Amino acid sequence: MHFAPDTDDILEFNVALANTDASGSRSNVDELTTIDELRELLVEHKFSGRIDYDPRELAQVREVRDELRRIWVLDRDPMVSAVNALFSQISVQPQLVRHDGLDWHLHATPDEAPLVDRLRVEIALALVDVIRVNEVDRLRVCAADDCAGLLVDLSRNRSKRFCSVRCGNRMNMVAYRERQTQIS
């Protein structure tokens, strides 16, 4: 599936943010408990604009993470309501911008808006694209039995089932062992 590059980027950021939760993290612990962990996540995904890096902002980002995890698993029509609710929380001012070596892309809030507002609107805009092209089924929960990680399947053949290579390998090993037991 080909979304706009900024939509792909924010969908991948959404997965990274959601999977800092203990239920989806590789370490099985919450990976967004410190300001340094927040900084690392935002730097890795090249977030620009105002970032306060304070305890209040960290708490707000964790709330957004929880909202995102709830929205990600909704069917299309309920997702529309959730996205509209996100938009209703924020004053949206769409504008095309270029920065940090990135080509033209959409920012919907001023750079000085609080990070939590910018995150909510970025999530909502990416989900709008997914909803409009009726590709909500590309937003998934990992198929591994013991993982609740989120994933976005951007492959052409819709074949991505696991949030990480680690989960895929683990489940392939389980399937292999089951086949070996049946052969014996």
Protein backbone atom coordinates (compact mmCIF):
# COMPACT_ATOMS: atom_id res chain seq x y z
CA MET A 1 0.00 0.00 0.00
CA HIS A 2 1.27 3.43 -0.85
CA PHE A 3 0.19 6.26 1.38
CA ALA A 4 1.87 9.65 1.28
CA PRO A 5 5.37 9.44 2.79
CA ASP A 6 4.37 11.52 5.82
CA THR A 7 1.42 9.20 6.45
CA ASP A 8 3.72 6.16 6.33
CA ASP A 9 6.09 7.92 8.73
CA ILE A 10 3.41 8.79 11.27
CA LEU A 11 1.84 5.32 11.06
CA GLU A 12 5.26 3.85 11.83
CA PHE A 13 5.69 6.35 14.67
CA ASN A 14 2.23 5.35 15.98
CA VAL A 15 3.36 1.72 16.09
CA ALA A 16 6.60 2.68 17.84
CA LEU A 17 4.75 4.82 20.39
CA ALA A 18 2.05 2.21 21.04
CA ASN A 19 4.62 -0.54 21.39
CA THR A 20 6.37 1.25 24.25
CA ASP A 21 3.47 -0.05 26.36
CA ALA A 22 4.37 -3.16 28.37
CA SER A 23 1.82 -5.25 26.47
CA GLY A 24 3.54 -4.54 23.16
CA SER A 25 7.15 -3.86 24.07
CA ARG A 26 9.94 -6.30 23.34
CA SER A 27 11.06 -6.14 26.96
CA ASN A 28 7.55 -6.71 28.38
CA VAL A 29 7.96 -3.57 30.50
CA ASP A 30 6.76 -0.03 29.88
CA GLU A 31 9.43 1.63 27.74
CA LEU A 32 8.08 5.17 28.12
CA THR A 33 8.58 5.98 31.77
CA THR A 34 11.35 8.57 31.61
CA ILE A 35 11.92 11.82 29.81
CA ASP A 36 15.05 10.29 28.24
CA GLU A 37 12.94 7.49 26.74
CA LEU A 38 10.54 10.09 25.35
CA ARG A 39 13.44 12.08 23.92
CA GLU A 40 14.89 8.98 22.27
CA LEU A 41 11.56 8.09 20.66
CA LEU A 42 10.97 11.62 19.34
CA VAL A 43 14.52 12.03 18.03
CA GLU A 44 14.39 8.64 16.30
CA HIS A 45 11.21 9.68 14.51
CA LYS A 46 12.42 13.22 13.78
CA PHE A 47 9.70 15.12 15.59
CA SER A 48 10.13 18.86 15.26
CA GLY A 49 8.53 21.83 16.95
CA ARG A 50 8.05 22.56 20.61
CA ILE A 51 9.00 19.75 22.96
CA ASP A 52 9.18 20.55 26.67
CA TYR A 53 10.65 17.27 27.93
CA ASP A 54 9.05 17.60 31.33
CA PRO A 55 7.06 15.20 33.53
CA ARG A 56 3.71 16.71 32.48
CA GLU A 57 4.46 16.21 28.81
CA LEU A 58 5.60 12.64 29.42
CA ALA A 59 2.32 11.89 31.21
CA GLN A 60 0.35 13.43 28.34
CA VAL A 61 2.22 11.39 25.72
CA ARG A 62 1.49 8.24 27.72
CA GLU A 63 -2.23 9.18 27.65
CA VAL A 64 -2.04 9.65 23.87
CA ARG A 65 -0.37 6.24 23.62
CA ASP A 66 -3.30 4.66 25.45
CA GLU A 67 -5.81 6.47 23.20
CA LEU A 68 -3.92 5.31 20.13
CA ARG A 69 -3.90 1.67 21.28
CA ARG A 70 -7.70 1.83 21.75
CA ILE A 71 -8.31 3.46 18.34
CA TRP A 72 -5.92 1.20 16.38
CA VAL A 73 -8.07 -1.90 16.85
CA LEU A 74 -11.41 -0.32 15.95
CA ASP A 75 -13.36 -1.14 12.83
CA ARG A 76 -13.70 1.57 10.22
CA ASP A 77 -16.93 3.31 11.32
CA PRO A 78 -16.09 3.42 15.04
CA MET A 79 -12.59 4.63 14.08
CA VAL A 80 -14.17 7.58 12.24
CA SER A 81 -15.88 8.66 15.45
CA ALA A 82 -12.64 8.30 17.42
CA VAL A 83 -10.67 10.31 14.85
CA ASN A 84 -13.30 13.05 14.82
CA ALA A 85 -13.09 13.13 18.62
CA LEU A 86 -9.31 13.65 18.36
CA PHE A 87 -9.84 16.55 15.95
CA SER A 88 -12.42 18.12 18.26
CA GLN A 89 -9.78 18.38 21.02
CA ILE A 90 -7.40 20.49 18.96
CA SER A 91 -7.43 23.71 17.01
CA VAL A 92 -6.33 22.54 13.57
CA GLN A 93 -4.47 24.92 11.24
CA PRO A 94 -3.29 22.88 8.23
CA GLN A 95 -0.23 24.06 6.34
CA LEU A 96 2.30 22.55 3.97
CA VAL A 97 5.87 22.75 5.27
CA ARG A 98 9.35 21.62 4.36
CA HIS A 99 12.03 21.15 7.00
CA ASP A 100 14.96 18.99 8.08
CA GLY A 101 15.51 17.62 4.58
CA LEU A 102 11.92 16.43 4.26
CA ASP A 103 9.87 17.35 1.20
CA TRP A 104 6.51 19.10 1.42
CA HIS A 105 4.26 17.54 4.00
CA LEU A 106 1.31 18.54 6.11
CA HIS A 107 1.50 20.05 9.57
CA ALA A 108 -1.89 20.74 11.08
CA THR A 109 -0.83 22.67 14.15
CA PRO A 110 1.71 25.42 14.68
CA ASP A 111 5.21 24.30 15.75
CA GLU A 112 4.71 26.00 19.11
CA ALA A 113 1.58 23.96 19.91
CA PRO A 114 2.01 21.52 22.79
CA LEU A 115 3.45 18.16 21.78
CA VAL A 116 0.33 16.31 22.91
CA ASP A 117 -1.83 18.37 20.53
CA ARG A 118 0.56 17.80 17.65
CA LEU A 119 0.65 14.05 18.36
CA ARG A 120 -3.13 13.78 18.46
CA VAL A 121 -3.57 15.65 15.20
CA GLU A 122 -0.76 13.71 13.46
CA ILE A 123 -2.35 10.43 14.55
CA ALA A 124 -5.77 11.64 13.40
CA LEU A 125 -4.49 12.80 10.00
CA ALA A 126 -2.73 9.51 9.32
CA LEU A 127 -5.84 7.58 10.30
CA VAL A 128 -7.93 9.82 8.02
CA ASP A 129 -5.82 8.63 5.09
CA VAL A 130 -6.22 5.00 6.16
CA ILE A 131 -9.99 5.37 6.56
CA ARG A 132 -10.50 7.28 3.29
CA VAL A 133 -8.87 4.53 1.21
CA ASN A 134 -10.62 1.82 3.25
CA GLU A 135 -7.38 0.21 4.46
CA VAL A 136 -8.18 -0.03 8.19
CA ASP A 137 -7.47 -3.76 8.03
CA ARG A 138 -3.78 -2.87 7.59
CA LEU A 139 -3.73 -1.72 11.22
CA ARG A 140 -3.26 -4.87 13.27
CA VAL A 141 -2.29 -6.49 16.51
CA CYS A 142 0.64 -8.92 16.36
CA ALA A 143 -0.43 -12.49 15.54
CA ALA A 144 2.00 -13.96 18.10
CA ASP A 145 0.07 -15.69 20.89
CA ASP A 146 1.89 -13.89 23.66
CA CYS A 147 2.22 -10.41 22.14
CA ALA A 148 -0.14 -7.43 21.97
CA GLY A 149 2.20 -5.30 19.86
CA LEU A 150 0.64 -3.19 17.15
CA LEU A 151 1.75 -3.17 13.52
CA VAL A 152 0.93 -1.48 10.26
CA ASP A 153 1.06 -3.69 7.19
CA LEU A 154 2.35 -1.56 4.32
CA SER A 155 3.22 -4.59 2.16
CA ARG A 156 1.62 -5.07 -1.24
CA ASN A 157 0.29 -8.53 -0.47
CA ARG A 158 -1.01 -7.73 3.03
CA SER A 159 1.14 -10.47 4.51
CA LYS A 160 2.64 -8.83 7.59
CA ARG A 161 1.40 -10.66 10.68
CA PHE A 162 3.95 -9.95 13.37
CA CYS A 163 5.13 -6.75 15.01
CA SER A 164 8.77 -7.80 14.80
CA VAL A 165 11.08 -10.38 13.30
CA ARG A 166 11.51 -11.72 16.83
CA CYS A 167 7.79 -12.53 17.15
CA GLY A 168 7.69 -14.03 13.66
CA ASN A 169 10.70 -16.23 14.34
CA ARG A 170 9.31 -17.32 17.70
CA MET A 171 5.95 -18.32 16.22
CA ASN A 172 7.64 -20.09 13.29
CA MET A 173 9.67 -22.11 15.80
CA VAL A 174 6.51 -23.00 17.73
CA ALA A 175 4.83 -24.15 14.49
CA TYR A 176 7.93 -26.15 13.53
CA ARG A 177 8.03 -27.90 16.90
CA GLU A 178 4.33 -28.72 16.65
CA ARG A 179 4.88 -30.26 13.21
CA GLN A 180 7.80 -32.28 14.52
CA THR A 181 5.70 -33.58 17.40
CA GLN A 182 2.96 -34.66 14.97
CA ILE A 183 5.50 -36.50 12.80
CA SER A 184 6.96 -38.43 15.75
